[in-house]
PDB file of N, CA and C in Angstrom:
ATOM      1  N   UNK A   1       0.541  -1.107  -0.186  1.00  0.00           N
ATOM      2  CA  UNK A   1       0.011   0.041  -0.041  1.00  0.00           C
ATOM      3  C   UNK A   1       1.050   1.179  -0.154  1.00  0.00           C
ATOM      4  N   UNK A   2       0.510   2.329  -0.775  1.00  0.00           N
ATOM      5  CA  UNK A   2       1.558   3.521  -1.135  1.00  0.00           C
ATOM      6  C   UNK A   2       0.937   4.611  -0.857  1.00  0.00           C
ATOM      7  N   UNK A   3       1.306   5.117   0.047  1.00  0.00           N
ATOM      8  CA  UNK A   3       1.010   6.618   0.402  1.00  0.00           C
ATOM      9  C   UNK A   3       2.175   7.934   0.290  1.00  0.00           C
ATOM     10  N   UNK A   4       1.828   8.683  -0.081  1.00  0.00           N
ATOM     11  CA  UNK A   4       2.805  10.103  -0.137  1.00  0.00           C
ATOM     12  C   UNK A   4       2.255  10.229   1.540  1.00  0.00           C
ATOM     13  N   UNK A   5       3.532  10.751   2.078  1.00  0.00           N
ATOM     14  CA  UNK A   5       3.735  11.482   3.491  1.00  0.00           C
ATOM     15  C   UNK A   5       2.484  11.767   3.723  1.00  0.00           C
ATOM     16  N   UNK A   6       2.275  13.612   3.342  1.00  0.00           N
ATOM     17  CA  UNK A   6       1.267  14.542   3.511  1.00  0.00           C
ATOM     18  C   UNK A   6       0.127  13.927   3.548  1.00  0.00           C
ATOM     19  N   UNK A   7      -0.384  13.080   2.654  1.00  0.00           N
ATOM     20  CA  UNK A   7      -1.634  12.499   1.975  1.00  0.00           C
ATOM     21  C   UNK A   7      -1.693  10.944   2.829  1.00  0.00           C
ATOM     22  N   UNK A   8      -0.754  10.473   3.727  1.00  0.00           N
ATOM     23  CA  UNK A   8      -0.900   9.885   4.566  1.00  0.00           C
ATOM     24  C   UNK A   8      -1.572  10.371   6.160  1.00  0.00           C
ATOM     25  N   UNK A   9      -0.635  11.608   6.333  1.00  0.00           N
ATOM     26  CA  UNK A   9      -1.272  12.284   7.269  1.00  0.00           C
ATOM     27  C   UNK A   9      -2.659  12.459   7.261  1.00  0.00           C
ATOM     28  N   UNK A  10      -2.902  13.404   5.965  1.00  0.00           N
ATOM     29  CA  UNK A  10      -4.209  14.185   5.596  1.00  0.00           C
ATOM     30  C   UNK A  10      -5.541  12.705   6.135  1.00  0.00           C
ATOM     31  N   UNK A  11      -5.147  11.459   5.428  1.00  0.00           N
ATOM     32  CA  UNK A  11      -6.229  10.520   5.412  1.00  0.00           C
ATOM     33  C   UNK A  11      -6.369   9.992   6.922  1.00  0.00           C
ATOM     34  N   UNK A  12      -4.959  10.296   7.805  1.00  0.00           N
ATOM     35  CA  UNK A  12      -5.663   9.937   9.424  1.00  0.00           C
ATOM     36  C   UNK A  12      -6.044  11.010   9.608  1.00  0.00           C
ATOM     37  N   UNK A  13      -6.006  11.974   9.780  1.00  0.00           N
ATOM     38  CA  UNK A  13      -6.780  13.393  10.280  1.00  0.00           C
ATOM     39  C   UNK A  13      -8.167  13.086   9.787  1.00  0.00           C
ATOM     40  N   UNK A  14      -8.091  12.569   8.285  1.00  0.00           N
ATOM     41  CA  UNK A  14     -10.016  12.551   8.045  1.00  0.00           C
ATOM     42  C   UNK A  14     -10.948  11.260   8.551  1.00  0.00           C
ATOM     43  N   UNK A  15      -9.666  10.077   8.970  1.00  0.00           N
ATOM     44  CA  UNK A  15     -10.425   9.145   9.589  1.00  0.00           C
ATOM     45  C   UNK A  15     -10.800   9.595  10.912  1.00  0.00           C
ATOM     46  N   UNK A  16      -9.847  10.360  11.605  1.00  0.00           N
ATOM     47  CA  UNK A  16     -10.337  10.369  12.974  1.00  0.00           C
ATOM     48  C   UNK A  16     -11.326  11.575  13.324  1.00  0.00           C
ATOM     49  N   UNK A  17     -11.756  12.214  11.793  1.00  0.00           N
ATOM     50  CA  UNK A  17     -12.455  13.190  12.116  1.00  0.00           C
ATOM     51  C   UNK A  17     -14.086  12.468  11.961  1.00  0.00           C
ATOM     52  N   UNK A  18     -14.062  11.445  11.338  1.00  0.00           N
ATOM     53  CA  UNK A  18     -15.161  10.943  10.631  1.00  0.00           C
ATOM     54  C   UNK A  18     -15.146   9.808  11.657  1.00  0.00           C
ATOM     55  N   UNK A  19     -14.518   9.290  12.817  1.00  0.00           N
ATOM     56  CA  UNK A  19     -14.803   8.658  13.584  1.00  0.00           C
ATOM     57  C   UNK A  19     -14.586   7.144  12.915  1.00  0.00           C
ATOM     58  N   UNK A  20     -13.926   6.924  12.372  1.00  0.00           N
ATOM     59  CA  UNK A  20     -13.265   6.034  11.331  1.00  0.00           C
ATOM     60  C   UNK A  20     -11.596   5.457  11.368  1.00  0.00           C
ATOM     61  N   UNK A  21     -11.180   6.407  12.357  1.00  0.00           N
ATOM     62  CA  UNK A  21     -10.001   5.533  12.652  1.00  0.00           C
ATOM     63  C   UNK A  21      -9.430   4.223  12.650  1.00  0.00           C
ATOM     64  N   UNK A  22     -10.230   3.510  13.483  1.00  0.00           N
ATOM     65  CA  UNK A  22      -9.995   2.416  13.886  1.00  0.00           C
ATOM     66  C   UNK A  22      -9.640   1.287  12.682  1.00  0.00           C
ATOM     67  N   UNK A  23     -10.961   1.842  11.548  1.00  0.00           N
ATOM     68  CA  UNK A  23     -11.128   0.981  10.331  1.00  0.00           C
ATOM     69  C   UNK A  23      -9.996   1.362   9.601  1.00  0.00           C
ATOM     70  N   UNK A  24      -9.322   2.473   9.586  1.00  0.00           N
ATOM     71  CA  UNK A  24      -8.154   3.102   8.393  1.00  0.00           C
ATOM     72  C   UNK A  24      -6.983   2.031   9.074  1.00  0.00           C
ATOM     73  N   UNK A  25      -6.718   2.218  10.366  1.00  0.00           N
ATOM     74  CA  UNK A  25      -5.559   1.505  10.971  1.00  0.00           C
ATOM     75  C   UNK A  25      -5.706  -0.052  10.563  1.00  0.00           C
ATOM     76  N   UNK A  26      -6.828  -0.619  10.678  1.00  0.00           N
ATOM     77  CA  UNK A  26      -7.051  -1.665  10.283  1.00  0.00           C
ATOM     78  C   UNK A  26      -6.599  -2.252   8.620  1.00  0.00           C
ATOM     79  N   UNK A  27      -7.317  -1.377   8.069  1.00  0.00           N
ATOM     80  CA  UNK A  27      -7.142  -1.789   6.596  1.00  0.00           C
ATOM     81  C   UNK A  27      -5.310  -1.190   6.154  1.00  0.00           C
ATOM     82  N   UNK A  28      -4.914  -0.555   6.702  1.00  0.00           N
ATOM     83  CA  UNK A  28      -3.571   0.021   6.311  1.00  0.00           C
ATOM     84  C   UNK A  28      -2.580  -0.993   7.016  1.00  0.00           C
ATOM     85  N   UNK A  29      -2.661  -1.524   8.381  1.00  0.00           N
ATOM     86  CA  UNK A  29      -1.657  -2.324   9.080  1.00  0.00           C
ATOM     87  C   UNK A  29      -1.792  -3.774   8.775  1.00  0.00           C
ATOM     88  N   UNK A  30      -2.976  -4.511   7.590  1.00  0.00           N
ATOM     89  CA  UNK A  30      -2.807  -5.545   6.697  1.00  0.00           C
ATOM     90  C   UNK A  30      -2.019  -5.602   5.877  1.00  0.00           C
ATOM     91  N   UNK A  31      -1.696  -4.677   5.159  1.00  0.00           N
ATOM     92  CA  UNK A  31      -0.497  -4.531   4.083  1.00  0.00           C
ATOM     93  C   UNK A  31       0.406  -5.403   4.118  1.00  0.00           C
ATOM     94  N   UNK A  32       0.818  -6.125   3.281  1.00  0.00           N
ATOM     95  CA  UNK A  32       1.839  -6.998   3.034  1.00  0.00           C
ATOM     96  C   UNK A  32       3.007  -5.997   3.121  1.00  0.00           C
ATOM     97  N   UNK A  33       2.922  -5.065   2.679  1.00  0.00           N
ATOM     98  CA  UNK A  33       3.973  -3.363   2.607  1.00  0.00           C
ATOM     99  C   UNK A  33       3.341  -2.167   2.959  1.00  0.00           C
ATOM    100  N   UNK A  34       3.888  -1.593   3.067  1.00  0.00           N
ATOM    101  CA  UNK A  34       3.604  -0.306   3.295  1.00  0.00           C
ATOM    102  C   UNK A  34       5.040   0.562   3.316  1.00  0.00           C
ATOM    103  N   UNK A  35       4.268   1.434   1.858  1.00  0.00           N
ATOM    104  CA  UNK A  35       5.172   2.620   1.030  1.00  0.00           C
ATOM    105  C   UNK A  35       5.144   3.845   1.981  1.00  0.00           C
ATOM    106  N   UNK A  36       5.720   4.637   2.418  1.00  0.00           N
ATOM    107  CA  UNK A  36       5.545   5.888   2.578  1.00  0.00           C
ATOM    108  C   UNK A  36       6.471   7.159   1.930  1.00  0.00           C
ATOM    109  N   UNK A  37       6.228   7.622   0.699  1.00  0.00           N
ATOM    110  CA  UNK A  37       7.050   8.280   0.236  1.00  0.00           C
ATOM    111  C   UNK A  37       7.509   9.880   0.643  1.00  0.00           C
ATOM    112  N   UNK A  38       8.421  10.360   0.944  1.00  0.00           N
ATOM    113  CA  UNK A  38       8.463  11.831   0.994  1.00  0.00           C
ATOM    114  C   UNK A  38       8.496  12.014   2.623  1.00  0.00           C
ATOM    115  N   UNK A  39       8.816  10.859   3.260  1.00  0.00           N
ATOM    116  CA  UNK A  39       8.476  11.306   4.882  1.00  0.00           C
ATOM    117  C   UNK A  39       9.346  12.475   5.318  1.00  0.00           C
ATOM    118  N   UNK A  40       8.854  13.603   6.006  1.00  0.00           N
ATOM    119  CA  UNK A  40       9.444  14.698   6.560  1.00  0.00           C
ATOM    120  C   UNK A  40       9.110  16.186   5.872  1.00  0.00           C
ATOM    121  N   UNK A  41       8.973  15.903   4.442  1.00  0.00           N
ATOM    122  CA  UNK A  41       8.219  16.886   3.500  1.00  0.00           C
ATOM    123  C   UNK A  41       7.216  17.677   3.959  1.00  0.00           C
ATOM    124  N   UNK A  42       6.580  18.521   4.439  1.00  0.00           N
ATOM    125  CA  UNK A  42       5.768  19.057   4.656  1.00  0.00           C
ATOM    126  C   UNK A  42       5.262  18.926   5.994  1.00  0.00           C
ATOM    127  N   UNK A  43       3.990  19.689   6.255  1.00  0.00           N
ATOM    128  CA  UNK A  43       4.032  20.042   8.076  1.00  0.00           C
ATOM    129  C   UNK A  43       3.553  18.683   8.413  1.00  0.00           C
ATOM    130  N   UNK A  44       3.363  18.349  10.007  1.00  0.00           N
ATOM    131  CA  UNK A  44       2.937  17.217  10.343  1.00  0.00           C
ATOM    132  C   UNK A  44       2.026  17.638  11.585  1.00  0.00           C
ATOM    133  N   UNK A  45       1.174  17.417  11.628  1.00  0.00           N
ATOM    134  CA  UNK A  45      -0.287  17.728  12.614  1.00  0.00           C
ATOM    135  C   UNK A  45       0.588  16.981  13.698  1.00  0.00           C
ATOM    136  N   UNK A  46       1.072  17.306  15.241  1.00  0.00           N
ATOM    137  CA  UNK A  46       1.396  16.198  16.428  1.00  0.00           C
ATOM    138  C   UNK A  46       0.346  15.988  16.979  1.00  0.00           C
ATOM    139  N   UNK A  47      -1.033  16.449  16.707  1.00  0.00           N
ATOM    140  CA  UNK A  47      -2.412  15.329  17.277  1.00  0.00           C
ATOM    141  C   UNK A  47      -2.697  14.114  16.747  1.00  0.00           C
ATOM    142  N   UNK A  48      -1.289  14.131  15.229  1.00  0.00           N
ATOM    143  CA  UNK A  48      -1.716  12.387  14.452  1.00  0.00           C
ATOM    144  C   UNK A  48      -0.909  11.688  15.008  1.00  0.00           C
ATOM    145  N   UNK A  49       0.268  12.444  15.675  1.00  0.00           N
ATOM    146  CA  UNK A  49       1.273  11.229  16.090  1.00  0.00           C
ATOM    147  C   UNK A  49       0.833   9.727  16.965  1.00  0.00           C
ATOM    148  N   UNK A  50       0.497  10.015  17.902  1.00  0.00           N
ATOM    149  CA  UNK A  50      -0.217   8.473  18.369  1.00  0.00           C
ATOM    150  C   UNK A  50      -1.032   8.032  17.506  1.00  0.00           C
ATOM    151  N   UNK A  51      -1.785   7.913  16.197  1.00  0.00           N
ATOM    152  CA  UNK A  51      -2.141   7.214  15.361  1.00  0.00           C
ATOM    153  C   UNK A  51      -1.263   6.804  14.468  1.00  0.00           C
ATOM    154  N   UNK A  52      -0.095   7.336  14.153  1.00  0.00           N
ATOM    155  CA  UNK A  52       0.902   7.342  13.270  1.00  0.00           C
ATOM    156  C   UNK A  52       2.055   6.410  14.006  1.00  0.00           C
ATOM    157  N   UNK A  53       2.050   6.364  15.532  1.00  0.00           N
ATOM    158  CA  UNK A  53       2.592   5.862  16.159  1.00  0.00           C
ATOM    159  C   UNK A  53       1.935   4.140  16.212  1.00  0.00           C
ATOM    160  N   UNK A  54       0.549   4.203  15.935  1.00  0.00           N
ATOM    161  CA  UNK A  54       0.296   2.912  16.372  1.00  0.00           C
ATOM    162  C   UNK A  54      -0.012   2.362  15.016  1.00  0.00           C
ATOM    163  N   UNK A  55      -0.164   2.892  13.926  1.00  0.00           N
ATOM    164  CA  UNK A  55       0.637   2.266  12.538  1.00  0.00           C
ATOM    165  C   UNK A  55       1.733   1.864  12.064  1.00  0.00           C
ATOM    166  N   UNK A  56       2.503   2.449  12.234  1.00  0.00           N
ATOM    167  CA  UNK A  56       4.058   1.986  12.413  1.00  0.00           C
ATOM    168  C   UNK A  56       4.429   0.978  13.571  1.00  0.00           C
ATOM    169  N   UNK A  57       4.039   0.844  14.480  1.00  0.00           N
ATOM    170  CA  UNK A  57       4.386  -0.326  15.254  1.00  0.00           C
ATOM    171  C   UNK A  57       3.440  -1.569  15.040  1.00  0.00           C
ATOM    172  N   UNK A  58       2.410  -1.616  14.545  1.00  0.00           N
ATOM    173  CA  UNK A  58       1.887  -2.407  14.146  1.00  0.00           C
ATOM    174  C   UNK A  58       2.513  -3.199  12.903  1.00  0.00           C
ATOM    175  N   UNK A  59       2.396  -2.183  12.042  1.00  0.00           N
ATOM    176  CA  UNK A  59       3.544  -2.514  10.609  1.00  0.00           C
ATOM    177  C   UNK A  59       4.688  -3.570  10.487  1.00  0.00           C
ATOM    178  N   UNK A  60       5.688  -2.681  11.660  1.00  0.00           N
ATOM    179  CA  UNK A  60       6.749  -3.019  11.999  1.00  0.00           C
ATOM    180  C   UNK A  60       6.591  -4.569  12.744  1.00  0.00           C
ATOM    181  N   UNK A  61       5.609  -4.675  13.105  1.00  0.00           N
ATOM    182  CA  UNK A  61       5.286  -6.486  13.586  1.00  0.00           C
ATOM    183  C   UNK A  61       5.008  -7.264  12.882  1.00  0.00           C
ATOM    184  N   UNK A  62       4.024  -6.884  11.328  1.00  0.00           N
ATOM    185  CA  UNK A  62       3.364  -7.802  11.300  1.00  0.00           C
ATOM    186  C   UNK A  62       4.045  -7.436   9.055  1.00  0.00           C
ATOM    187  N   UNK A  63       4.062  -6.636   9.111  1.00  0.00           N
ATOM    188  CA  UNK A  63       4.516  -6.612   7.320  1.00  0.00           C
ATOM    189  C   UNK A  63       6.163  -5.680   7.433  1.00  0.00           C
ATOM    190  N   UNK A  64       5.644  -5.468   6.140  1.00  0.00           N
ATOM    191  CA  UNK A  64       7.110  -4.822   5.721  1.00  0.00           C
ATOM    192  C   UNK A  64       6.750  -3.243   5.668  1.00  0.00           C
ATOM    193  N   UNK A  65       7.986  -2.085   6.035  1.00  0.00           N
ATOM    194  CA  UNK A  65       7.478  -1.138   5.672  1.00  0.00           C
ATOM    195  C   UNK A  65       8.666  -0.279   4.827  1.00  0.00           C
ATOM    196  N   UNK A  66       8.625   0.352   4.235  1.00  0.00           N
ATOM    197  CA  UNK A  66       9.354   0.810   2.930  1.00  0.00           C
ATOM    198  C   UNK A  66       9.393   2.519   3.301  1.00  0.00           C
ATOM    199  N   UNK A  67       9.952   3.443   3.312  1.00  0.00           N
ATOM    200  CA  UNK A  67       9.672   4.845   4.186  1.00  0.00           C
ATOM    201  C   UNK A  67      11.147   5.485   3.001  1.00  0.00           C
ATOM    202  N   UNK A  68      10.680   6.434   2.186  1.00  0.00           N
ATOM    203  CA  UNK A  68      11.983   7.496   1.194  1.00  0.00           C
ATOM    204  C   UNK A  68      11.574   8.707   2.169  1.00  0.00           C
ATOM    205  N   UNK A  69      12.820   9.301   1.469  1.00  0.00           N
ATOM    206  CA  UNK A  69      12.797  10.922   2.210  1.00  0.00           C
ATOM    207  C   UNK A  69      14.075  11.571   1.755  1.00  0.00           C
ATOM    208  N   UNK A  70      13.557  12.785   1.406  1.00  0.00           N
ATOM    209  CA  UNK A  70      14.743  13.391   0.556  1.00  0.00           C
ATOM    210  C   UNK A  70      15.438  14.258   1.748  1.00  0.00           C
ATOM    211  N   UNK A  71      14.911  13.940   3.280  1.00  0.00           N
ATOM    212  CA  UNK A  71      15.339  14.998   4.759  1.00  0.00           C
ATOM    213  C   UNK A  71      16.509  13.728   5.050  1.00  0.00           C
ATOM    214  N   UNK A  72      17.743  13.899   5.912  1.00  0.00           N
ATOM    215  CA  UNK A  72      18.373  13.094   6.546  1.00  0.00           C
ATOM    216  C   UNK A  72      17.974  12.393   7.629  1.00  0.00           C
ATOM    217  N   UNK A  73      17.997  11.389   7.692  1.00  0.00           N
ATOM    218  CA  UNK A  73      17.292  10.464   8.661  1.00  0.00           C
ATOM    219  C   UNK A  73      17.566  10.820  10.472  1.00  0.00           C
ATOM    220  N   UNK A  74      18.827  11.719  10.365  1.00  0.00           N
ATOM    221  CA  UNK A  74      19.208  12.315  11.993  1.00  0.00           C
ATOM    222  C   UNK A  74      18.321  13.450  12.031  1.00  0.00           C
ATOM    223  N   UNK A  75      17.486  14.158  10.824  1.00  0.00           N
ATOM    224  CA  UNK A  75      16.367  14.912  11.237  1.00  0.00           C
ATOM    225  C   UNK A  75      14.751  14.861  11.483  1.00  0.00           C
ATOM    226  N   UNK A  76      14.830  13.468  11.327  1.00  0.00           N
ATOM    227  CA  UNK A  76      13.376  12.863  11.422  1.00  0.00           C
ATOM    228  C   UNK A  76      12.776  12.836  12.871  1.00  0.00           C
ATOM    229  N   UNK A  77      13.989  12.788  13.552  1.00  0.00           N
ATOM    230  CA  UNK A  77      13.411  12.785  14.802  1.00  0.00           C
ATOM    231  C   UNK A  77      12.726  14.125  15.015  1.00  0.00           C
ATOM    232  N   UNK A  78      13.047  15.235  14.367  1.00  0.00           N
ATOM    233  CA  UNK A  78      12.418  16.703  14.598  1.00  0.00           C
ATOM    234  C   UNK A  78      11.055  16.710  13.635  1.00  0.00           C
ATOM    235  N   UNK A  79      10.193  15.690  13.433  1.00  0.00           N
ATOM    236  CA  UNK A  79       9.211  15.672  13.350  1.00  0.00           C
ATOM    237  C   UNK A  79       8.446  15.841  14.039  1.00  0.00           C
ATOM    238  N   UNK A  80       8.453  15.338  15.199  1.00  0.00           N
ATOM    239  CA  UNK A  80       7.484  15.004  16.651  1.00  0.00           C
ATOM    240  C   UNK A  80       7.864  15.842  17.611  1.00  0.00           C
ATOM    241  N   UNK A  81       6.822  16.868  18.356  1.00  0.00           N
ATOM    242  CA  UNK A  81       7.258  17.759  19.020  1.00  0.00           C
ATOM    243  C   UNK A  81       7.578  17.103  20.312  1.00  0.00           C
ATOM    244  N   UNK A  82       6.993  15.571  20.596  1.00  0.00           N
ATOM    245  CA  UNK A  82       7.129  14.838  21.723  1.00  0.00           C
ATOM    246  C   UNK A  82       7.626  14.011  21.990  1.00  0.00           C
ATOM    247  N   UNK A  83       8.986  14.091  22.597  1.00  0.00           N
ATOM    248  CA  UNK A  83      10.418  13.557  22.197  1.00  0.00           C
ATOM    249  C   UNK A  83      10.315  11.929  22.659  1.00  0.00           C
ATOM    250  N   UNK A  84       8.931  11.455  23.498  1.00  0.00           N
ATOM    251  CA  UNK A  84       8.562   9.784  24.162  1.00  0.00           C
ATOM    252  C   UNK A  84       8.363   9.600  22.534  1.00  0.00           C
ATOM    253  N   UNK A  85       7.277   9.991  21.710  1.00  0.00           N
ATOM    254  CA  UNK A  85       6.764   9.656  20.550  1.00  0.00           C
ATOM    255  C   UNK A  85       7.253   9.593  19.377  1.00  0.00           C
ATOM    256  N   UNK A  86       8.658  10.843  19.246  1.00  0.00           N
ATOM    257  CA  UNK A  86       9.707  10.988  18.409  1.00  0.00           C
ATOM    258  C   UNK A  86      10.331   9.199  18.763  1.00  0.00           C
ATOM    259  N   UNK A  87      10.837   9.072  19.731  1.00  0.00           N
ATOM    260  CA  UNK A  87      11.727   7.750  20.032  1.00  0.00           C
ATOM    261  C   UNK A  87      11.387   6.665  19.675  1.00  0.00           C
ATOM    262  N   UNK A  88       9.526   6.670  20.067  1.00  0.00           N
ATOM    263  CA  UNK A  88       8.908   5.150  19.943  1.00  0.00           C
ATOM    264  C   UNK A  88       9.223   5.045  18.458  1.00  0.00           C
ATOM    265  N   UNK A  89       8.509   5.999  17.675  1.00  0.00           N
ATOM    266  CA  UNK A  89       8.740   5.522  16.306  1.00  0.00           C
ATOM    267  C   UNK A  89       9.713   5.540  15.345  1.00  0.00           C
ATOM    268  N   UNK A  90      10.878   6.665  15.790  1.00  0.00           N
ATOM    269  CA  UNK A  90      11.847   6.140  15.540  1.00  0.00           C
ATOM    270  C   UNK A  90      12.261   4.691  15.926  1.00  0.00           C
ATOM    271  N   UNK A  91      12.403   4.071  16.765  1.00  0.00           N
ATOM    272  CA  UNK A  91      12.804   3.018  17.003  1.00  0.00           C
ATOM    273  C   UNK A  91      12.177   1.877  16.328  1.00  0.00           C
ATOM    274  N   UNK A  92      11.017   2.161  16.304  1.00  0.00           N
ATOM    275  CA  UNK A  92       9.904   0.991  15.149  1.00  0.00           C
ATOM    276  C   UNK A  92      10.228   1.020  13.605  1.00  0.00           C
ATOM    277  N   UNK A  93      10.780   2.266  12.874  1.00  0.00           N
ATOM    278  CA  UNK A  93      11.095   2.331  12.016  1.00  0.00           C
ATOM    279  C   UNK A  93      12.710   2.229  11.760  1.00  0.00           C
ATOM    280  N   UNK A  94      13.327   2.226  12.746  1.00  0.00           N
ATOM    281  CA  UNK A  94      14.883   1.752  12.542  1.00  0.00           C
ATOM    282  C   UNK A  94      15.509   0.540  12.810  1.00  0.00           C
ATOM    283  N   UNK A  95      14.808  -0.341  13.795  1.00  0.00           N
ATOM    284  CA  UNK A  95      14.639  -1.538  14.312  1.00  0.00           C
ATOM    285  C   UNK A  95      14.830  -2.771  13.134  1.00  0.00           C
ATOM    286  N   UNK A  96      15.364  -3.312  12.547  1.00  0.00           N
ATOM    287  CA  UNK A  96      15.559  -4.212  11.271  1.00  0.00           C
ATOM    288  C   UNK A  96      15.736  -3.419  10.092  1.00  0.00           C
ATOM    289  N   UNK A  97      16.337  -2.151  10.596  1.00  0.00           N
ATOM    290  CA  UNK A  97      16.135  -1.493   8.831  1.00  0.00           C
ATOM    291  C   UNK A  97      17.293  -1.625   8.641  1.00  0.00           C
ATOM    292  N   UNK A  98      16.985  -1.010   6.871  1.00  0.00           N
ATOM    293  CA  UNK A  98      18.260  -1.169   6.070  1.00  0.00           C
ATOM    294  C   UNK A  98      18.047   0.334   5.049  1.00  0.00           C
ATOM    295  N   UNK A  99      19.448   0.803   5.076  1.00  0.00           N
ATOM    296  CA  UNK A  99      19.351   1.878   4.804  1.00  0.00           C
ATOM    297  C   UNK A  99      19.988   1.995   3.005  1.00  0.00           C
ATOM    298  N   UNK A 100      19.461   2.598   2.483  1.00  0.00           N
ATOM    299  CA  UNK A 100      19.815   2.886   0.589  1.00  0.00           C
ATOM    300  C   UNK A 100      19.846   4.297   0.673  1.00  0.00           C
ATOM    301  N   UNK A 101      21.022   5.083   0.263  1.00  0.00           N
ATOM    302  CA  UNK A 101      21.150   5.985  -0.092  1.00  0.00           C
ATOM    303  C   UNK A 101      21.422   6.313  -1.519  1.00  0.00           C
ATOM    304  N   UNK A 102      20.720   7.225  -2.760  1.00  0.00           N
ATOM    305  CA  UNK A 102      20.606   6.986  -3.705  1.00  0.00           C
ATOM    306  C   UNK A 102      21.337   8.398  -4.086  1.00  0.00           C
ATOM    307  N   UNK A 103      22.479   8.682  -5.034  1.00  0.00           N
ATOM    308  CA  UNK A 103      23.278   9.321  -4.714  1.00  0.00           C
ATOM    309  C   UNK A 103      22.687  10.046  -6.512  1.00  0.00           C
ATOM    310  N   UNK A 104      23.576  11.069  -7.417  1.00  0.00           N
ATOM    311  CA  UNK A 104      23.273  11.710  -8.336  1.00  0.00           C
ATOM    312  C   UNK A 104      22.351  12.657  -8.435  1.00  0.00           C
ATOM    313  N   UNK A 105      21.923  12.549 -10.109  1.00  0.00           N
ATOM    314  CA  UNK A 105      21.161  13.811 -10.052  1.00  0.00           C
ATOM    315  C   UNK A 105      19.672  13.259  -9.817  1.00  0.00           C
ATOM    316  N   UNK A 106      18.589  13.776 -10.105  1.00  0.00           N
ATOM    317  CA  UNK A 106      17.311  13.469  -9.588  1.00  0.00           C
ATOM    318  C   UNK A 106      16.884  12.939 -10.950  1.00  0.00           C
ATOM    319  N   UNK A 107      16.041  11.823 -10.896  1.00  0.00           N
ATOM    320  CA  UNK A 107      15.068  11.250 -11.782  1.00  0.00           C
ATOM    321  C   UNK A 107      14.702  12.222 -12.241  1.00  0.00           C
ATOM    322  N   UNK A 108      13.837  12.858 -12.041  1.00  0.00           N
ATOM    323  CA  UNK A 108      12.966  13.870 -12.405  1.00  0.00           C
ATOM    324  C   UNK A 108      13.544  14.937 -13.537  1.00  0.00           C
ATOM    325  N   UNK A 109      14.826  15.410 -12.952  1.00  0.00           N
ATOM    326  CA  UNK A 109      15.696  16.192 -13.706  1.00  0.00           C
ATOM    327  C   UNK A 109      16.322  15.341 -15.159  1.00  0.00           C
ATOM    328  N   UNK A 110      16.492  14.413 -14.781  1.00  0.00           N
ATOM    329  CA  UNK A 110      16.875  13.667 -15.917  1.00  0.00           C
ATOM    330  C   UNK A 110      15.860  13.440 -16.805  1.00  0.00           C
ATOM    331  N   UNK A 111      14.773  13.363 -16.593  1.00  0.00           N
ATOM    332  CA  UNK A 111      13.439  12.620 -17.305  1.00  0.00           C
ATOM    333  C   UNK A 111      13.449  14.394 -18.531  1.00  0.00           C
ATOM    334  N   UNK A 112      13.295  15.747 -17.726  1.00  0.00           N
ATOM    335  CA  UNK A 112      13.434  16.566 -18.524  1.00  0.00           C
ATOM    336  C   UNK A 112      14.223  17.007 -19.217  1.00  0.00           C
ATOM    337  N   UNK A 113      15.601  16.754 -18.946  1.00  0.00           N
ATOM    338  CA  UNK A 113      16.543  17.146 -19.523  1.00  0.00           C
ATOM    339  C   UNK A 113      16.731  16.714 -20.977  1.00  0.00           C
ATOM    340  N   UNK A 114      15.806  15.715 -20.972  1.00  0.00           N
ATOM    341  CA  UNK A 114      15.404  14.222 -22.381  1.00  0.00           C
ATOM    342  C   UNK A 114      14.608  15.205 -23.149  1.00  0.00           C
ATOM    343  N   UNK A 115      14.093  15.741 -22.591  1.00  0.00           N
ATOM    344  CA  UNK A 115      12.631  16.333 -23.704  1.00  0.00           C
ATOM    345  C   UNK A 115      12.725  17.704 -24.474  1.00  0.00           C
TER     346      UNK A 115
END
């Protein structure tokens, strides 16, 4: 299941507003692989942090988690105002993780330069 990070946070907020967060978490956490693209870009509403933590926690126990980001990993902690939640999220993300750093020109830049 793929989400742009901003879209994921919007979906979490919408599910909370509609009283459907339990169903949303169940849907997301049954995915074999949860992909969160562009983590760390855009704003993060801190009221969503507990639900995000629960999603990351459940997914880290039962499925795969792939996170892409242009933000250095050492700055991910700063996405969260509550250091306890930040520690918990980062522990679950980094536990049993592999890091792949891609260097070079932007893929989009390459495509547009060929046109």
